Amino acid sequence: MALVGEKPALESILVEWIQKAKAINPDRNTNPAQTLQDYYAFVSWAETAMPWALLKDSDYPGIFDDMFQSIVYFHFLIDQPLPELEGKGLVNNSLQYAEPFASWLITFSKSWGAFTNGTFTHSFLNVNDYHRYHFPLGGTVKEARIIQGINPTGGSLWWDAKNNRYAFNPAAKLGWQSIETRGCVILETEKHGLVALLPIGMVAVGSVNFEDHVKPGMKVAKGDMLGNFAFGGSDFVMLFQNTVDFTIDAPKSPAGESYRHLLMGERLGYLKPRTN
């Protein structure tokens, strides 16, 4: 929005390619940005949303498809050919290659690129689990922020008349990891590159808290206190770069379909350099 304010001519170009994309795909579920204001809202959402949830109402069969379709859609919007960009020596006569938009796009996309082709872990804490979290590795804090949630439940709610109670499904496909309160700490480690630590307040937990000393530039050791949830069921996500592999070697449950319940301090897995 600020970029458009500085370059008024850019607004007409933005509107033109939004309309071109709308003509190609008018479905709001897979093309939600159909006006300039829609696009501003979509970019704001993309700044904090998980990469598989940019298309909030999508219905693809798996997380890879969700991520692929979401990110491709982001670039599809700005890849529509425009006659006014012809003859300017661009790779293609679309907005993503034209300045000043191209420079903004590079800056905006850097937050996605650091963990491309890396490893994602997702741990669930039930209501009676230990609800403090500690640094899983030592290193230097490069970023620490709280992304405030916009929905305290994040799932679907309904009245279950048969059982005379309100029912809640946290697994409903609403992209709740993108609407709940989340913490984001980027840790620079000596041997394993950047590691992203994301505590996510799930269900009625809207409180994700960091220790006062967790600030950029702070050096921490493995096991140091990172923060806490207030109460309830919550999640903790870790992201590793593509230079390392994370292997879970925690014991499996008796049925072999999941992992045994772990206590604080018990081993989940190990990291090693990626060889290919």
Protein backbone atom coordinates (compact mmCIF):
# COMPACT_ATOMS: atom_id res chain seq x y z
CA MET A 1 0.00 0.00 0.00
CA ALA A 2 2.85 2.39 0.84
CA LEU A 3 4.55 1.50 -2.45
CA VAL A 4 1.41 2.41 -4.39
CA GLY A 5 1.21 5.69 -2.47
CA GLU A 6 4.75 6.56 -3.56
CA LYS A 7 4.15 5.48 -7.19
CA PRO A 8 0.56 6.45 -8.16
CA ALA A 9 0.98 5.03 -11.68
CA LEU A 10 1.46 1.61 -10.11
CA GLU A 11 -2.14 1.57 -8.86
CA SER A 12 -3.64 1.44 -12.35
CA ILE A 13 -1.29 -1.40 -13.30
CA LEU A 14 -2.21 -3.34 -10.16
CA VAL A 15 -5.91 -2.94 -10.87
CA GLU A 16 -5.40 -4.06 -14.48
CA TRP A 17 -3.63 -7.30 -13.65
CA ILE A 18 -6.04 -8.08 -10.82
CA GLN A 19 -8.85 -7.83 -13.36
CA LYS A 20 -6.94 -10.04 -15.81
CA ALA A 21 -6.49 -12.71 -13.13
CA LYS A 22 -10.18 -12.44 -12.21
CA ALA A 23 -11.20 -12.97 -15.85
CA ILE A 24 -9.07 -16.13 -15.98
CA ASN A 25 -10.28 -17.48 -12.62
CA PRO A 26 -13.36 -15.82 -11.08
CA ASP A 27 -13.63 -18.36 -8.21
CA ARG A 28 -13.09 -16.52 -4.93
CA ASN A 29 -11.94 -19.68 -3.11
CA THR A 30 -8.90 -20.06 -5.36
CA ASN A 31 -8.60 -16.39 -6.39
CA PRO A 32 -9.62 -14.27 -3.38
CA ALA A 33 -7.86 -11.05 -4.47
CA GLN A 34 -10.36 -9.68 -7.00
CA THR A 35 -10.08 -5.96 -6.16
CA LEU A 36 -7.22 -3.74 -5.09
CA GLN A 37 -8.49 -3.74 -1.50
CA ASP A 38 -8.77 -7.55 -1.66
CA TYR A 39 -5.12 -7.67 -2.74
CA TYR A 40 -3.99 -5.44 0.13
CA ALA A 41 -5.86 -7.72 2.53
CA PHE A 42 -4.33 -10.82 0.92
CA VAL A 43 -0.76 -9.46 1.19
CA SER A 44 -1.36 -8.59 4.86
CA TRP A 45 -2.61 -12.15 5.43
CA ALA A 46 0.39 -13.62 3.58
CA GLU A 47 2.82 -11.72 5.84
CA THR A 48 1.87 -13.86 8.85
CA ALA A 49 0.03 -16.90 7.45
CA MET A 50 1.53 -20.37 7.33
CA PRO A 51 2.63 -21.19 3.74
CA TRP A 52 -0.07 -23.84 3.28
CA ALA A 53 -2.85 -21.44 4.30
CA LEU A 54 -2.55 -18.47 1.94
CA LEU A 55 -5.68 -19.76 0.21
CA LYS A 56 -7.88 -19.95 3.32
CA ASP A 57 -10.83 -21.76 1.70
CA SER A 58 -8.87 -24.16 -0.50
CA ASP A 59 -9.61 -27.87 -0.49
CA TYR A 60 -6.52 -29.64 -1.79
CA PRO A 61 -5.71 -33.24 -0.82
CA GLY A 62 -2.52 -32.71 1.19
CA ILE A 63 -0.25 -30.16 2.83
CA PHE A 64 2.18 -30.14 -0.12
CA ASP A 65 -0.62 -29.26 -2.53
CA ASP A 66 -1.86 -26.57 -0.14
CA MET A 67 1.62 -25.02 0.06
CA PHE A 68 2.29 -25.33 -3.67
CA GLN A 69 -1.07 -23.90 -4.73
CA SER A 70 -0.90 -21.09 -2.16
CA ILE A 71 2.55 -19.89 -3.19
CA VAL A 72 1.94 -20.33 -6.93
CA TYR A 73 -1.26 -18.29 -6.57
CA PHE A 74 0.67 -15.44 -4.94
CA HIS A 75 2.88 -15.23 -8.02
CA PHE A 76 0.09 -15.98 -10.53
CA LEU A 77 -1.53 -12.67 -9.59
CA ILE A 78 1.53 -10.67 -10.66
CA ASP A 79 2.44 -12.76 -13.69
CA GLN A 80 -0.29 -11.50 -16.02
CA PRO A 81 1.23 -9.97 -19.22
CA LEU A 82 0.57 -6.26 -19.62
CA PRO A 83 1.01 -4.37 -22.93
CA GLU A 84 2.40 -1.26 -21.19
CA LEU A 85 5.37 -3.29 -19.95
CA GLU A 86 6.41 -4.51 -23.41
CA GLY A 87 9.70 -3.31 -24.85
CA LYS A 88 11.21 -2.48 -21.45
CA GLY A 89 13.82 -5.26 -21.50
CA LEU A 90 12.08 -7.33 -18.81
CA VAL A 91 12.35 -11.11 -18.55
CA ASN A 92 8.60 -11.12 -19.12
CA ASN A 93 6.20 -8.20 -19.48
CA SER A 94 4.56 -8.84 -16.14
CA LEU A 95 4.60 -6.83 -12.94
CA GLN A 96 6.79 -9.21 -10.95
CA TYR A 97 9.78 -8.22 -13.14
CA ALA A 98 9.11 -4.46 -13.19
CA GLU A 99 10.58 -1.96 -10.75
CA PRO A 100 9.84 -0.88 -8.09
CA PHE A 101 7.51 -3.86 -7.60
CA ALA A 102 10.25 -6.42 -8.31
CA SER A 103 12.45 -5.11 -5.46
CA TRP A 104 9.50 -5.13 -3.05
CA LEU A 105 8.67 -8.70 -4.06
CA ILE A 106 12.23 -9.87 -3.34
CA THR A 107 12.14 -8.29 0.12
CA PHE A 108 8.66 -9.64 0.84
CA SER A 109 9.55 -13.18 -0.25
CA LYS A 110 12.78 -13.46 1.77
CA SER A 111 10.83 -14.45 4.84
CA TRP A 112 9.63 -17.55 2.94
CA GLY A 113 12.91 -18.51 1.30
CA ALA A 114 15.13 -19.18 4.32
CA PHE A 115 13.45 -22.53 5.05
CA THR A 116 12.64 -23.66 1.49
CA ASN A 117 12.98 -27.46 1.16
CA GLY A 118 13.73 -27.68 4.88
CA THR A 119 12.10 -29.78 7.59
CA PHE A 120 8.93 -29.05 9.54
CA THR A 121 8.01 -30.62 12.90
CA HIS A 122 4.71 -30.24 14.75
CA SER A 123 4.28 -31.27 18.39
CA PHE A 124 0.97 -31.20 20.29
CA LEU A 125 0.65 -30.35 23.98
CA ASN A 126 -2.53 -31.55 25.66
CA VAL A 127 -4.22 -29.66 28.50
CA ASN A 128 -2.37 -31.60 31.21
CA ASP A 129 1.08 -31.38 29.60
CA TYR A 130 3.96 -29.16 30.71
CA HIS A 131 3.20 -25.77 29.16
CA ARG A 132 6.55 -24.06 29.32
CA TYR A 133 8.91 -24.26 26.38
CA HIS A 134 12.70 -24.25 26.28
CA PHE A 135 15.28 -23.63 23.55
CA PRO A 136 15.95 -26.99 21.81
CA LEU A 137 19.36 -25.73 20.61
CA GLY A 138 21.85 -23.07 21.59
CA GLY A 139 22.64 -20.04 19.46
CA THR A 140 21.91 -16.35 18.93
CA VAL A 141 18.39 -14.98 18.75
CA LYS A 142 17.98 -13.16 15.42
CA GLU A 143 14.26 -12.39 15.66
CA ALA A 144 11.61 -12.64 18.39
CA ARG A 145 8.02 -11.52 17.96
CA ILE A 146 4.44 -12.34 18.86
CA ILE A 147 1.88 -12.50 16.04
CA GLN A 148 -1.42 -11.71 17.68
CA GLY A 149 -4.27 -14.07 16.83
CA ILE A 150 -7.60 -12.99 15.40
CA ASN A 151 -9.69 -15.99 16.48
CA PRO A 152 -9.57 -17.50 20.00
CA THR A 153 -10.88 -20.91 18.94
CA GLY A 154 -9.55 -21.60 15.46
CA GLY A 155 -11.77 -24.62 14.79
CA SER A 156 -15.44 -25.18 14.07
CA LEU A 157 -18.12 -25.02 16.80
CA TRP A 158 -21.66 -26.42 16.84
CA TRP A 159 -24.44 -27.45 19.20
CA ASP A 160 -24.52 -31.22 19.60
CA ALA A 161 -28.19 -31.72 20.52
CA LYS A 162 -27.83 -35.50 20.79
CA ASN A 163 -25.24 -35.21 23.57
CA ASN A 164 -26.61 -31.95 24.98
CA ARG A 165 -23.30 -30.13 24.71
CA TYR A 166 -21.31 -27.75 22.55
CA ALA A 167 -18.88 -29.54 20.26
CA PHE A 168 -15.57 -28.31 18.94
CA ASN A 169 -13.37 -29.63 16.17
CA PRO A 170 -9.86 -28.09 16.22
CA ALA A 171 -8.93 -30.09 13.11
CA ALA A 172 -11.48 -28.30 10.91
CA LYS A 173 -9.69 -26.96 7.86
CA LEU A 174 -9.67 -23.29 8.75
CA GLY A 175 -5.92 -22.80 8.73
CA TRP A 176 -6.02 -22.22 12.49
CA GLN A 177 -2.21 -22.05 12.68
CA SER A 178 -2.58 -18.81 10.73
CA ILE A 179 -5.26 -17.20 12.89
CA GLU A 180 -4.21 -18.18 16.40
CA THR A 181 -1.69 -16.24 18.48
CA ARG A 182 1.79 -17.39 17.46
CA GLY A 183 5.29 -16.72 18.64
CA CYS A 184 8.19 -16.64 16.19
CA VAL A 185 11.82 -16.90 17.27
CA ILE A 186 14.56 -17.29 14.67
CA LEU A 187 17.68 -18.83 16.19
CA GLU A 188 21.07 -18.78 14.46
CA THR A 189 23.00 -21.88 15.47
CA GLU A 190 26.67 -22.75 14.99
CA LYS A 191 26.20 -26.13 13.30
CA HIS A 192 22.60 -26.28 12.08
CA GLY A 193 21.93 -22.93 10.41
CA LEU A 194 18.76 -21.01 11.16
CA VAL A 195 16.04 -22.67 13.24
CA ALA A 196 12.53 -21.22 13.55
CA LEU A 197 10.69 -21.86 16.81
CA LEU A 198 6.93 -21.24 16.71
CA PRO A 199 4.76 -21.79 19.78
CA ILE A 200 1.10 -21.68 18.68
CA GLY A 201 -1.77 -21.03 21.07
CA MET A 202 -4.43 -23.55 20.08
CA VAL A 203 -8.17 -23.59 20.91
CA ALA A 204 -8.91 -21.17 23.76
CA VAL A 205 -5.26 -20.37 24.38
CA GLY A 206 -4.60 -16.85 23.17
CA SER A 207 -1.52 -16.31 25.32
CA VAL A 208 1.93 -17.03 23.91
CA ASN A 209 4.57 -15.57 26.19
CA PHE A 210 8.35 -15.17 25.92
CA GLU A 211 10.80 -14.66 28.76
CA ASP A 212 11.87 -11.02 29.12
CA HIS A 213 15.44 -11.77 28.03
CA VAL A 214 14.40 -13.35 24.70
CA LYS A 215 15.38 -10.50 22.39
CA PRO A 216 17.44 -10.22 19.17
CA GLY A 217 21.17 -10.52 19.88
CA MET A 218 20.70 -12.64 23.01
CA LYS A 219 22.89 -15.75 23.19
CA VAL A 220 21.10 -18.79 24.62
CA ALA A 221 22.02 -22.35 25.52
CA LYS A 222 20.10 -25.53 24.84
CA GLY A 223 17.52 -25.95 27.59
CA ASP A 224 17.23 -22.25 28.48
CA MET A 225 13.71 -21.06 29.14
CA LEU A 226 11.98 -19.62 26.07
CA GLY A 227 8.45 -18.93 27.35
CA ASN A 228 5.08 -20.39 28.26
CA PHE A 229 1.45 -20.88 27.27
CA ALA A 230 -1.24 -19.76 29.70
CA PHE A 231 -3.24 -23.01 29.66
CA GLY A 232 -4.94 -25.52 27.41
CA GLY A 233 -4.00 -27.53 24.34
CA SER A 234 -1.25 -25.94 22.29
CA ASP A 235 1.27 -26.69 19.58
CA PHE A 236 4.95 -26.15 18.94
CA VAL A 237 6.39 -26.01 15.43
CA MET A 238 10.07 -26.14 14.51
CA LEU A 239 11.49 -25.33 11.07
CA PHE A 240 14.98 -26.37 9.96
CA GLN A 241 16.83 -25.28 6.84
CA ASN A 242 17.60 -27.61 3.95
CA THR A 243 21.22 -28.10 5.07
CA VAL A 244 20.20 -30.48 7.87
CA ASP A 245 17.91 -33.45 8.34
CA PHE A 246 15.80 -33.99 11.44
CA THR A 247 15.01 -37.61 12.30
CA ILE A 248 12.43 -38.57 14.92
CA ASP A 249 13.64 -41.52 16.97
CA ALA A 250 11.17 -41.24 19.86
CA PRO A 251 9.49 -44.59 20.67
CA LYS A 252 6.33 -45.41 18.77
CA SER A 253 3.00 -46.08 20.43
CA PRO A 254 1.96 -49.75 20.87
CA ALA A 255 -0.19 -49.56 17.73
CA GLY A 256 2.71 -48.10 15.79
CA GLU A 257 0.59 -45.37 14.21
CA SER A 258 1.90 -42.50 16.31
CA TYR A 259 4.54 -41.75 18.93
CA ARG A 260 4.50 -42.43 22.65
CA HIS A 261 3.59 -39.53 24.92
CA LEU A 262 6.81 -37.71 25.84
CA LEU A 263 7.61 -35.77 28.98
CA MET A 264 9.64 -32.59 29.25
CA GLY A 265 13.32 -33.32 28.58
CA GLU A 266 12.78 -36.66 26.83
CA ARG A 267 14.35 -37.09 23.42
CA LEU A 268 12.28 -36.46 20.30
CA GLY A 269 14.93 -36.88 17.61
CA TYR A 270 18.27 -35.73 16.27
CA LEU A 271 19.80 -33.44 13.62
CA LYS A 272 22.55 -34.27 11.17
CA PRO A 273 23.99 -32.51 8.10
CA ARG A 274 22.15 -33.24 4.87
CA THR A 275 24.34 -35.18 2.47
CA ASN A 276 22.46 -34.74 -0.82
